[in-house]
């Protein structure tokens, strides 16, 4: 029995070492390891070509903005004078009502400017939806309309602050 134990051990060990020509994994880089994870280069930006219908719409909106701006300035002066006359008057007095009416006129001009800005943004959205590049005229007019709207809003707020609360 003592002699069979070493033979059994040798038989077991020979089974473990019997195959020496197996397929081992390669130590070379795998294909996934050689791919780059860097961001791809962006495609060059498309250049907008002149668009007559868009230019016509922009010209109409630009005219509306110019007319609103030229009408707003004298109306704001009238509203400021009315607010100055209403200063110290109670809310609901005749002068206060006159100043509020003048402010309502200014709000009408501001609403026209806001509608023009909305029209400009609608043009930009329509171009983006159609997959067309940004149109420089739209961006320029949008910036001008936003500045005009901001100026009108600030002027109305300043005049409103002169009046007593209702």
N, C-alpha and C. Protein backbone atom coordinates (compact mmCIF):
# COMPACT_ATOMS: atom_id res chain seq x y z
N UNK A 1 0.81 -1.16 0.00
CA UNK A 1 0.00 0.00 0.00
C UNK A 1 0.87 1.25 0.00
N UNK A 2 1.98 1.14 0.69
CA UNK A 2 2.90 2.25 0.68
C UNK A 2 3.48 2.45 -0.69
N UNK A 3 3.65 1.43 -1.44
CA UNK A 3 4.22 1.55 -2.78
C UNK A 3 3.19 2.08 -3.76
N UNK A 4 1.90 1.88 -3.56
CA UNK A 4 0.88 2.37 -4.48
C UNK A 4 0.60 3.86 -4.30
N UNK A 5 0.86 4.43 -3.14
CA UNK A 5 0.64 5.85 -2.91
C UNK A 5 1.53 6.72 -3.80
N UNK A 6 2.83 6.44 -3.89
CA UNK A 6 3.64 7.26 -4.80
C UNK A 6 3.22 7.08 -6.26
N UNK A 7 2.78 5.91 -6.63
CA UNK A 7 2.34 5.69 -8.02
C UNK A 7 1.06 6.47 -8.31
N UNK A 8 0.18 6.55 -7.36
CA UNK A 8 -1.07 7.29 -7.54
C UNK A 8 -0.78 8.78 -7.66
N UNK A 9 0.17 9.24 -6.86
CA UNK A 9 0.55 10.68 -6.93
C UNK A 9 1.17 10.99 -8.28
N UNK A 10 2.01 10.14 -8.78
CA UNK A 10 2.65 10.35 -10.08
C UNK A 10 1.59 10.34 -11.18
N UNK A 11 0.63 9.45 -11.08
CA UNK A 11 -0.43 9.37 -12.08
C UNK A 11 -1.27 10.65 -12.08
N UNK A 12 -1.57 11.15 -10.89
CA UNK A 12 -2.35 12.39 -10.81
C UNK A 12 -1.56 13.59 -11.35
N UNK A 13 -0.30 13.68 -11.00
CA UNK A 13 0.52 14.79 -11.46
C UNK A 13 0.75 14.74 -12.96
N UNK A 14 0.84 13.58 -13.51
CA UNK A 14 1.06 13.48 -14.95
C UNK A 14 -0.18 13.93 -15.73
N UNK A 15 -1.34 13.82 -15.14
CA UNK A 15 -2.57 14.30 -15.78
C UNK A 15 -2.60 15.83 -15.85
N UNK A 16 -2.04 16.48 -14.87
CA UNK A 16 -2.01 17.95 -14.86
C UNK A 16 -1.00 18.48 -15.86
N UNK A 17 0.07 17.78 -16.06
CA UNK A 17 1.12 18.28 -16.93
C UNK A 17 1.09 17.63 -18.29
N UNK A 18 0.07 16.91 -18.61
CA UNK A 18 0.03 16.16 -19.85
C UNK A 18 -0.04 17.01 -21.10
N UNK A 19 -0.70 18.15 -21.07
CA UNK A 19 -0.89 18.95 -22.29
C UNK A 19 -0.10 20.25 -22.17
N UNK A 20 0.90 20.41 -22.94
CA UNK A 20 1.73 21.62 -22.87
C UNK A 20 1.61 22.46 -24.13
N UNK A 21 0.87 22.04 -25.11
CA UNK A 21 0.75 22.79 -26.36
C UNK A 21 -0.64 23.41 -26.49
N UNK A 22 -1.19 23.96 -25.41
CA UNK A 22 -2.53 24.54 -25.42
C UNK A 22 -2.54 25.93 -26.06
N UNK A 23 -3.72 26.49 -26.26
CA UNK A 23 -3.89 27.82 -26.84
C UNK A 23 -3.99 28.83 -25.71
N UNK A 24 -2.99 29.66 -25.62
CA UNK A 24 -2.98 30.70 -24.60
C UNK A 24 -3.36 32.02 -25.25
N UNK A 25 -3.97 32.94 -24.51
CA UNK A 25 -4.34 34.23 -25.11
C UNK A 25 -3.09 35.02 -25.49
N UNK A 26 -3.23 35.76 -26.57
CA UNK A 26 -2.12 36.57 -27.05
C UNK A 26 -1.94 37.77 -26.12
N UNK A 27 -0.71 38.23 -25.99
CA UNK A 27 -0.42 39.39 -25.17
C UNK A 27 -0.40 40.66 -26.02
N UNK A 28 -0.70 40.52 -27.31
CA UNK A 28 -0.78 41.70 -28.17
C UNK A 28 -2.04 42.50 -27.84
N UNK A 29 -2.05 43.82 -28.12
CA UNK A 29 -3.26 44.62 -27.82
C UNK A 29 -4.45 44.11 -28.63
N UNK A 30 -5.59 44.12 -27.96
CA UNK A 30 -6.81 43.72 -28.64
C UNK A 30 -7.28 44.86 -29.52
N UNK A 31 -8.16 44.59 -30.50
CA UNK A 31 -8.63 45.68 -31.38
C UNK A 31 -9.32 46.81 -30.62
N UNK A 32 -10.05 46.48 -29.59
CA UNK A 32 -10.75 47.52 -28.83
C UNK A 32 -9.77 48.43 -28.09
N UNK A 33 -8.60 47.88 -27.75
CA UNK A 33 -7.61 48.67 -27.04
C UNK A 33 -6.87 49.65 -27.95
N UNK A 34 -6.97 49.44 -29.23
CA UNK A 34 -6.25 50.33 -30.16
C UNK A 34 -7.15 51.41 -30.75
N UNK A 35 -8.44 51.44 -30.38
CA UNK A 35 -9.32 52.49 -30.88
C UNK A 35 -9.16 53.73 -30.01
N UNK A 36 -9.32 54.87 -30.62
CA UNK A 36 -9.18 56.14 -29.92
C UNK A 36 -10.52 56.54 -29.32
N UNK A 37 -10.48 57.07 -28.12
CA UNK A 37 -11.69 57.54 -27.45
C UNK A 37 -11.80 59.06 -27.54
N UNK A 38 -10.95 59.67 -28.32
CA UNK A 38 -10.98 61.13 -28.47
C UNK A 38 -12.22 61.54 -29.26
N UNK A 39 -12.69 62.76 -28.98
CA UNK A 39 -13.84 63.29 -29.71
C UNK A 39 -13.48 63.46 -31.18
N UNK A 40 -14.40 63.13 -32.06
CA UNK A 40 -14.11 63.32 -33.49
C UNK A 40 -14.06 64.82 -33.82
N UNK A 41 -13.34 65.14 -34.84
CA UNK A 41 -13.25 66.53 -35.29
C UNK A 41 -14.62 66.99 -35.77
N UNK A 42 -15.07 68.18 -35.35
CA UNK A 42 -16.38 68.64 -35.82
C UNK A 42 -16.36 68.96 -37.30
N UNK A 43 -17.50 68.75 -37.90
CA UNK A 43 -17.62 69.06 -39.32
C UNK A 43 -17.57 70.57 -39.50
N UNK A 44 -17.02 71.04 -40.59
CA UNK A 44 -16.99 72.50 -40.79
C UNK A 44 -18.41 73.06 -40.85
N UNK A 45 -18.59 74.23 -40.27
CA UNK A 45 -19.91 74.85 -40.23
C UNK A 45 -20.36 75.20 -41.65
N UNK A 46 -21.63 74.93 -41.88
CA UNK A 46 -22.20 75.27 -43.18
C UNK A 46 -22.36 76.78 -43.28
N UNK A 47 -22.18 77.29 -44.46
CA UNK A 47 -22.29 78.73 -44.69
C UNK A 47 -23.66 78.99 -45.30
N UNK A 48 -24.35 79.97 -44.71
CA UNK A 48 -25.68 80.31 -45.20
C UNK A 48 -25.56 81.05 -46.53
N UNK A 49 -26.40 80.67 -47.45
CA UNK A 49 -26.45 81.36 -48.73
C UNK A 49 -27.57 82.40 -48.68
N UNK A 50 -27.48 83.43 -49.49
CA UNK A 50 -28.54 84.44 -49.48
C UNK A 50 -29.91 83.81 -49.75
N UNK A 51 -30.89 84.26 -48.99
CA UNK A 51 -32.24 83.70 -49.07
C UNK A 51 -33.21 84.87 -49.20
N UNK A 52 -33.75 85.08 -50.39
CA UNK A 52 -34.61 86.23 -50.67
C UNK A 52 -35.88 86.25 -49.81
N UNK A 53 -36.61 85.14 -49.64
CA UNK A 53 -37.80 85.19 -48.79
C UNK A 53 -37.48 85.55 -47.34
N UNK A 54 -36.40 85.01 -46.83
CA UNK A 54 -36.00 85.35 -45.45
C UNK A 54 -35.61 86.81 -45.36
N UNK A 55 -34.88 87.30 -46.35
CA UNK A 55 -34.49 88.72 -46.35
C UNK A 55 -35.71 89.63 -46.41
N UNK A 56 -36.74 89.24 -47.17
CA UNK A 56 -37.96 90.05 -47.26
C UNK A 56 -38.68 90.08 -45.90
N UNK A 57 -38.76 88.93 -45.24
CA UNK A 57 -39.40 88.88 -43.92
C UNK A 57 -38.62 89.72 -42.92
N UNK A 58 -37.29 89.62 -42.97
CA UNK A 58 -36.46 90.41 -42.06
C UNK A 58 -36.62 91.90 -42.31
N UNK A 59 -36.76 92.29 -43.58
CA UNK A 59 -36.94 93.72 -43.90
C UNK A 59 -38.27 94.23 -43.33
N UNK A 60 -39.30 93.41 -43.41
CA UNK A 60 -40.60 93.80 -42.85
C UNK A 60 -40.52 93.97 -41.34
N UNK A 61 -39.87 93.02 -40.68
CA UNK A 61 -39.73 93.09 -39.22
C UNK A 61 -38.85 94.28 -38.83
N UNK A 62 -37.81 94.53 -39.61
CA UNK A 62 -36.92 95.66 -39.32
C UNK A 62 -37.68 96.98 -39.44
N UNK A 63 -38.55 97.09 -40.42
CA UNK A 63 -39.38 98.29 -40.58
C UNK A 63 -40.31 98.46 -39.39
N UNK A 64 -40.92 97.37 -38.95
CA UNK A 64 -41.80 97.42 -37.78
C UNK A 64 -41.05 97.88 -36.54
N UNK A 65 -39.85 97.35 -36.35
CA UNK A 65 -39.05 97.74 -35.20
C UNK A 65 -38.67 99.22 -35.25
N UNK A 66 -38.31 99.70 -36.44
CA UNK A 66 -37.93 101.11 -36.59
C UNK A 66 -39.13 102.03 -36.32
N UNK A 67 -40.30 101.66 -36.85
CA UNK A 67 -41.50 102.47 -36.61
C UNK A 67 -41.87 102.49 -35.13
N UNK A 68 -41.76 101.34 -34.49
CA UNK A 68 -42.08 101.25 -33.07
C UNK A 68 -41.10 102.08 -32.24
N UNK A 69 -39.84 102.00 -32.59
CA UNK A 69 -38.83 102.76 -31.85
C UNK A 69 -39.04 104.26 -32.00
N UNK A 70 -39.36 104.71 -33.22
CA UNK A 70 -39.55 106.15 -33.43
C UNK A 70 -40.85 106.65 -32.77
N UNK A 71 -41.86 105.81 -32.65
CA UNK A 71 -43.11 106.22 -31.99
C UNK A 71 -42.99 106.11 -30.47
N UNK A 72 -42.13 105.22 -29.98
CA UNK A 72 -42.01 105.01 -28.55
C UNK A 72 -41.38 106.21 -27.85
N UNK A 73 -40.36 106.80 -28.45
CA UNK A 73 -39.62 107.90 -27.79
C UNK A 73 -40.52 109.08 -27.42
N UNK A 74 -41.31 109.65 -28.36
CA UNK A 74 -42.17 110.76 -27.94
C UNK A 74 -43.29 110.33 -26.98
N UNK A 75 -43.78 109.12 -27.16
CA UNK A 75 -44.81 108.63 -26.25
C UNK A 75 -44.24 108.46 -24.84
N UNK A 76 -42.99 108.06 -24.74
CA UNK A 76 -42.35 107.92 -23.43
C UNK A 76 -42.16 109.27 -22.78
N UNK A 77 -41.84 110.29 -23.58
CA UNK A 77 -41.71 111.65 -23.03
C UNK A 77 -43.05 112.14 -22.49
N UNK A 78 -44.11 111.90 -23.25
CA UNK A 78 -45.44 112.30 -22.79
C UNK A 78 -45.83 111.55 -21.51
N UNK A 79 -45.52 110.28 -21.47
CA UNK A 79 -45.84 109.47 -20.28
C UNK A 79 -45.04 109.94 -19.07
N UNK A 80 -43.79 110.30 -19.30
CA UNK A 80 -42.96 110.77 -18.19
C UNK A 80 -43.48 112.11 -17.66
N UNK A 81 -43.91 112.98 -18.56
CA UNK A 81 -44.48 114.26 -18.13
C UNK A 81 -45.78 114.03 -17.36
N UNK A 82 -46.60 113.12 -17.85
CA UNK A 82 -47.85 112.83 -17.15
C UNK A 82 -47.59 112.22 -15.78
N UNK A 83 -46.56 111.37 -15.70
CA UNK A 83 -46.22 110.76 -14.41
C UNK A 83 -45.68 111.81 -13.45
N UNK A 84 -44.92 112.77 -13.98
CA UNK A 84 -44.41 113.84 -13.13
C UNK A 84 -45.55 114.70 -12.59
N UNK A 85 -46.56 114.96 -13.42
CA UNK A 85 -47.72 115.72 -12.97
C UNK A 85 -48.55 114.94 -11.95
N UNK A 86 -48.54 113.62 -12.07
CA UNK A 86 -49.33 112.77 -11.17
C UNK A 86 -48.59 112.46 -9.87
N UNK A 87 -47.32 112.86 -9.80
CA UNK A 87 -46.54 112.58 -8.60
C UNK A 87 -47.17 113.30 -7.40
N UNK A 88 -47.36 112.57 -6.35
CA UNK A 88 -48.00 113.12 -5.15
C UNK A 88 -49.51 113.05 -5.19
N UNK A 89 -50.09 112.72 -6.32
CA UNK A 89 -51.54 112.59 -6.44
C UNK A 89 -51.94 111.18 -5.99
N UNK A 90 -53.13 111.03 -5.44
CA UNK A 90 -53.55 109.68 -5.02
C UNK A 90 -53.87 108.81 -6.24
N UNK A 91 -53.74 107.53 -6.04
CA UNK A 91 -54.10 106.58 -7.10
C UNK A 91 -55.58 106.74 -7.41
N UNK A 92 -55.90 106.79 -8.68
CA UNK A 92 -57.28 106.95 -9.10
C UNK A 92 -57.63 108.39 -9.43
N UNK A 93 -56.72 109.32 -9.17
CA UNK A 93 -57.00 110.72 -9.51
C UNK A 93 -56.92 110.89 -11.03
N UNK A 94 -57.39 112.03 -11.50
CA UNK A 94 -57.42 112.27 -12.94
C UNK A 94 -56.02 112.25 -13.55
N UNK A 95 -55.07 112.88 -12.89
CA UNK A 95 -53.68 112.90 -13.41
C UNK A 95 -53.07 111.50 -13.37
N UNK A 96 -53.38 110.74 -12.33
CA UNK A 96 -52.87 109.37 -12.23
C UNK A 96 -53.42 108.53 -13.37
N UNK A 97 -54.71 108.71 -13.66
CA UNK A 97 -55.34 107.96 -14.77
C UNK A 97 -54.73 108.37 -16.10
N UNK A 98 -54.43 109.64 -16.28
CA UNK A 98 -53.79 110.11 -17.51
C UNK A 98 -52.41 109.47 -17.67
N UNK A 99 -51.66 109.41 -16.58
CA UNK A 99 -50.34 108.78 -16.63
C UNK A 99 -50.46 107.29 -16.92
N UNK A 100 -51.43 106.63 -16.33
CA UNK A 100 -51.63 105.20 -16.58
C UNK A 100 -52.02 104.95 -18.04
N UNK A 101 -52.82 105.85 -18.60
CA UNK A 101 -53.20 105.72 -20.01
C UNK A 101 -51.96 105.88 -20.90
N UNK A 102 -51.10 106.81 -20.56
CA UNK A 102 -49.87 106.99 -21.33
C UNK A 102 -48.97 105.76 -21.20
N UNK A 103 -48.93 105.17 -20.03
CA UNK A 103 -48.16 103.93 -19.85
C UNK A 103 -48.75 102.77 -20.64
N UNK A 104 -50.07 102.75 -20.75
CA UNK A 104 -50.72 101.70 -21.55
C UNK A 104 -50.32 101.83 -23.02
N UNK A 105 -50.18 103.07 -23.49
CA UNK A 105 -49.73 103.28 -24.87
C UNK A 105 -48.31 102.74 -25.04
N UNK A 106 -47.45 102.98 -24.05
CA UNK A 106 -46.08 102.46 -24.11
C UNK A 106 -46.07 100.94 -24.09
N UNK A 107 -46.96 100.35 -23.31
CA UNK A 107 -47.06 98.89 -23.28
C UNK A 107 -47.46 98.33 -24.64
N UNK A 108 -48.29 99.08 -25.37
CA UNK A 108 -48.66 98.66 -26.72
C UNK A 108 -47.44 98.62 -27.65
N UNK A 109 -46.59 99.64 -27.54
CA UNK A 109 -45.37 99.66 -28.35
C UNK A 109 -44.43 98.53 -27.94
N UNK A 110 -44.34 98.29 -26.65
CA UNK A 110 -43.48 97.20 -26.17
C UNK A 110 -44.01 95.85 -26.67
N UNK A 111 -45.33 95.69 -26.69
CA UNK A 111 -45.92 94.44 -27.19
C UNK A 111 -45.60 94.25 -28.68
N UNK A 112 -45.61 95.35 -29.44
CA UNK A 112 -45.27 95.25 -30.86
C UNK A 112 -43.81 94.83 -31.02
N UNK A 113 -42.94 95.38 -30.20
CA UNK A 113 -41.52 95.00 -30.26
C UNK A 113 -41.35 93.54 -29.88
N UNK A 114 -42.07 93.10 -28.86
CA UNK A 114 -41.99 91.71 -28.42
C UNK A 114 -42.51 90.76 -29.51
N UNK A 115 -43.58 91.16 -30.19
CA UNK A 115 -44.11 90.34 -31.29
C UNK A 115 -43.11 90.26 -32.44
N UNK A 116 -42.43 91.36 -32.71
CA UNK A 116 -41.41 91.35 -33.78
C UNK A 116 -40.27 90.41 -33.40
N UNK A 117 -39.86 90.44 -32.13
CA UNK A 117 -38.81 89.53 -31.67
C UNK A 117 -39.26 88.08 -31.80
N UNK A 118 -40.52 87.82 -31.50
CA UNK A 118 -41.06 86.47 -31.66
C UNK A 118 -41.03 86.03 -33.12
N UNK A 119 -41.36 86.95 -34.03
CA UNK A 119 -41.30 86.63 -35.46
C UNK A 119 -39.88 86.29 -35.90
N UNK A 120 -38.92 87.03 -35.39
CA UNK A 120 -37.51 86.77 -35.72
C UNK A 120 -37.11 85.39 -35.21
N UNK A 121 -37.49 85.08 -33.99
CA UNK A 121 -37.15 83.77 -33.42
C UNK A 121 -37.85 82.64 -34.17
N UNK A 122 -39.07 82.89 -34.64
CA UNK A 122 -39.77 81.88 -35.45
C UNK A 122 -39.01 81.60 -36.75
N UNK A 123 -38.45 82.65 -37.36
CA UNK A 123 -37.65 82.45 -38.56
C UNK A 123 -36.42 81.58 -38.26
N UNK A 124 -35.76 81.87 -37.14
CA UNK A 124 -34.58 81.09 -36.76
C UNK A 124 -34.95 79.64 -36.49
N UNK A 125 -36.07 79.42 -35.82
CA UNK A 125 -36.52 78.06 -35.51
C UNK A 125 -36.87 77.31 -36.79
N UNK A 126 -37.53 77.98 -37.72
CA UNK A 126 -37.90 77.33 -38.98
C UNK A 126 -36.65 76.91 -39.75
N UNK A 127 -35.63 77.75 -39.76
CA UNK A 127 -34.39 77.40 -40.46
C UNK A 127 -33.70 76.22 -39.76
N UNK A 128 -33.68 76.24 -38.44
CA UNK A 128 -33.03 75.15 -37.71
C UNK A 128 -33.79 73.84 -37.92
N UNK A 129 -35.11 73.91 -37.94
CA UNK A 129 -35.92 72.71 -38.16
C UNK A 129 -35.68 72.13 -39.54
N UNK A 130 -35.48 73.00 -40.52
CA UNK A 130 -35.21 72.55 -41.88
C UNK A 130 -33.77 72.10 -42.09
N UNK A 131 -32.94 72.23 -41.03
CA UNK A 131 -31.55 71.80 -41.14
C UNK A 131 -30.67 72.81 -41.86
N UNK A 132 -31.14 74.04 -41.95
CA UNK A 132 -30.37 75.08 -42.63
C UNK A 132 -29.44 75.75 -41.63
N UNK A 133 -28.32 76.28 -42.11
CA UNK A 133 -27.38 76.94 -41.19
C UNK A 133 -27.94 78.26 -40.67
N UNK A 134 -27.32 78.75 -39.59
CA UNK A 134 -27.73 80.04 -39.02
C UNK A 134 -27.59 81.12 -40.07
N UNK A 135 -28.54 82.04 -40.05
CA UNK A 135 -28.55 83.13 -41.02
C UNK A 135 -28.07 84.39 -40.31
N UNK A 136 -27.00 85.02 -40.77
CA UNK A 136 -26.44 86.17 -40.06
C UNK A 136 -27.44 87.32 -39.89
N UNK A 137 -28.29 87.57 -40.85
CA UNK A 137 -29.27 88.65 -40.75
C UNK A 137 -30.26 88.42 -39.62
N UNK A 138 -30.61 87.18 -39.39
CA UNK A 138 -31.53 86.85 -38.30
C UNK A 138 -30.88 87.15 -36.96
N UNK A 139 -29.65 86.72 -36.81
CA UNK A 139 -28.96 86.93 -35.53
C UNK A 139 -28.75 88.41 -35.25
N UNK A 140 -28.41 89.18 -36.26
CA UNK A 140 -28.18 90.62 -36.10
C UNK A 140 -29.48 91.31 -35.70
N UNK A 141 -30.56 91.01 -36.40
CA UNK A 141 -31.84 91.64 -36.11
C UNK A 141 -32.39 91.19 -34.75
N UNK A 142 -32.14 89.94 -34.39
CA UNK A 142 -32.59 89.45 -33.08
C UNK A 142 -31.89 90.23 -31.96
N UNK A 143 -30.59 90.45 -32.10
CA UNK A 143 -29.86 91.20 -31.08
C UNK A 143 -30.39 92.63 -30.97
N UNK A 144 -30.68 93.25 -32.10
CA UNK A 144 -31.21 94.62 -32.09
C UNK A 144 -32.60 94.66 -31.45
N UNK A 145 -33.44 93.68 -31.77
CA UNK A 145 -34.79 93.64 -31.21
C UNK A 145 -34.75 93.39 -29.70
N UNK A 146 -33.85 92.52 -29.26
CA UNK A 146 -33.72 92.26 -27.82
C UNK A 146 -33.26 93.52 -27.09
N UNK A 147 -32.32 94.25 -27.68
CA UNK A 147 -31.84 95.48 -27.06
C UNK A 147 -32.96 96.52 -26.99
N UNK A 148 -33.73 96.64 -28.07
CA UNK A 148 -34.84 97.60 -28.10
C UNK A 148 -35.89 97.23 -27.05
N UNK A 149 -36.21 95.95 -26.95
CA UNK A 149 -37.19 95.50 -25.97
C UNK A 149 -36.70 95.77 -24.54
N UNK A 150 -35.43 95.53 -24.30
CA UNK A 150 -34.87 95.77 -22.97
C UNK A 150 -34.93 97.26 -22.63
N UNK A 151 -34.60 98.12 -23.59
CA UNK A 151 -34.64 99.55 -23.37
C UNK A 151 -36.07 100.02 -23.08
N UNK A 152 -37.02 99.55 -23.87
CA UNK A 152 -38.42 99.94 -23.68
C UNK A 152 -38.93 99.47 -22.32
N UNK A 153 -38.59 98.27 -21.94
CA UNK A 153 -39.04 97.72 -20.65
C UNK A 153 -38.46 98.54 -19.49
N UNK A 154 -37.20 98.90 -19.59
CA UNK A 154 -36.57 99.69 -18.53
C UNK A 154 -37.20 101.08 -18.43
N UNK A 155 -37.48 101.68 -19.57
CA UNK A 155 -38.08 103.03 -19.56
C UNK A 155 -39.49 102.98 -18.97
N UNK A 156 -40.26 101.98 -19.31
CA UNK A 156 -41.61 101.84 -18.76
C UNK A 156 -41.54 101.62 -17.25
N UNK A 157 -40.61 100.79 -16.81
CA UNK A 157 -40.47 100.52 -15.37
C UNK A 157 -40.08 101.80 -14.62
N UNK A 158 -39.22 102.62 -15.22
CA UNK A 158 -38.80 103.85 -14.57
C UNK A 158 -39.97 104.83 -14.43
N UNK A 159 -40.78 104.93 -15.46
CA UNK A 159 -41.94 105.82 -15.42
C UNK A 159 -42.97 105.28 -14.42
N UNK A 160 -43.18 103.98 -14.44
CA UNK A 160 -44.13 103.34 -13.51
C UNK A 160 -43.71 103.57 -12.06
N UNK A 161 -42.40 103.59 -11.82
CA UNK A 161 -41.92 103.80 -10.44
C UNK A 161 -42.22 105.20 -9.92
N UNK A 162 -42.45 106.14 -10.84
CA UNK A 162 -42.77 107.52 -10.43
C UNK A 162 -44.19 107.64 -9.88
N UNK A 163 -45.04 106.71 -10.26
CA UNK A 163 -46.45 106.78 -9.88
C UNK A 163 -46.72 106.05 -8.58
N UNK A 164 -47.71 106.50 -7.81
CA UNK A 164 -48.08 105.77 -6.60
C UNK A 164 -48.75 104.45 -6.97
N UNK A 165 -48.63 103.49 -6.06
CA UNK A 165 -49.25 102.18 -6.28
C UNK A 165 -50.77 102.32 -6.26
N UNK A 166 -51.42 101.50 -7.05
CA UNK A 166 -52.90 101.56 -7.07
C UNK A 166 -53.50 100.73 -5.98
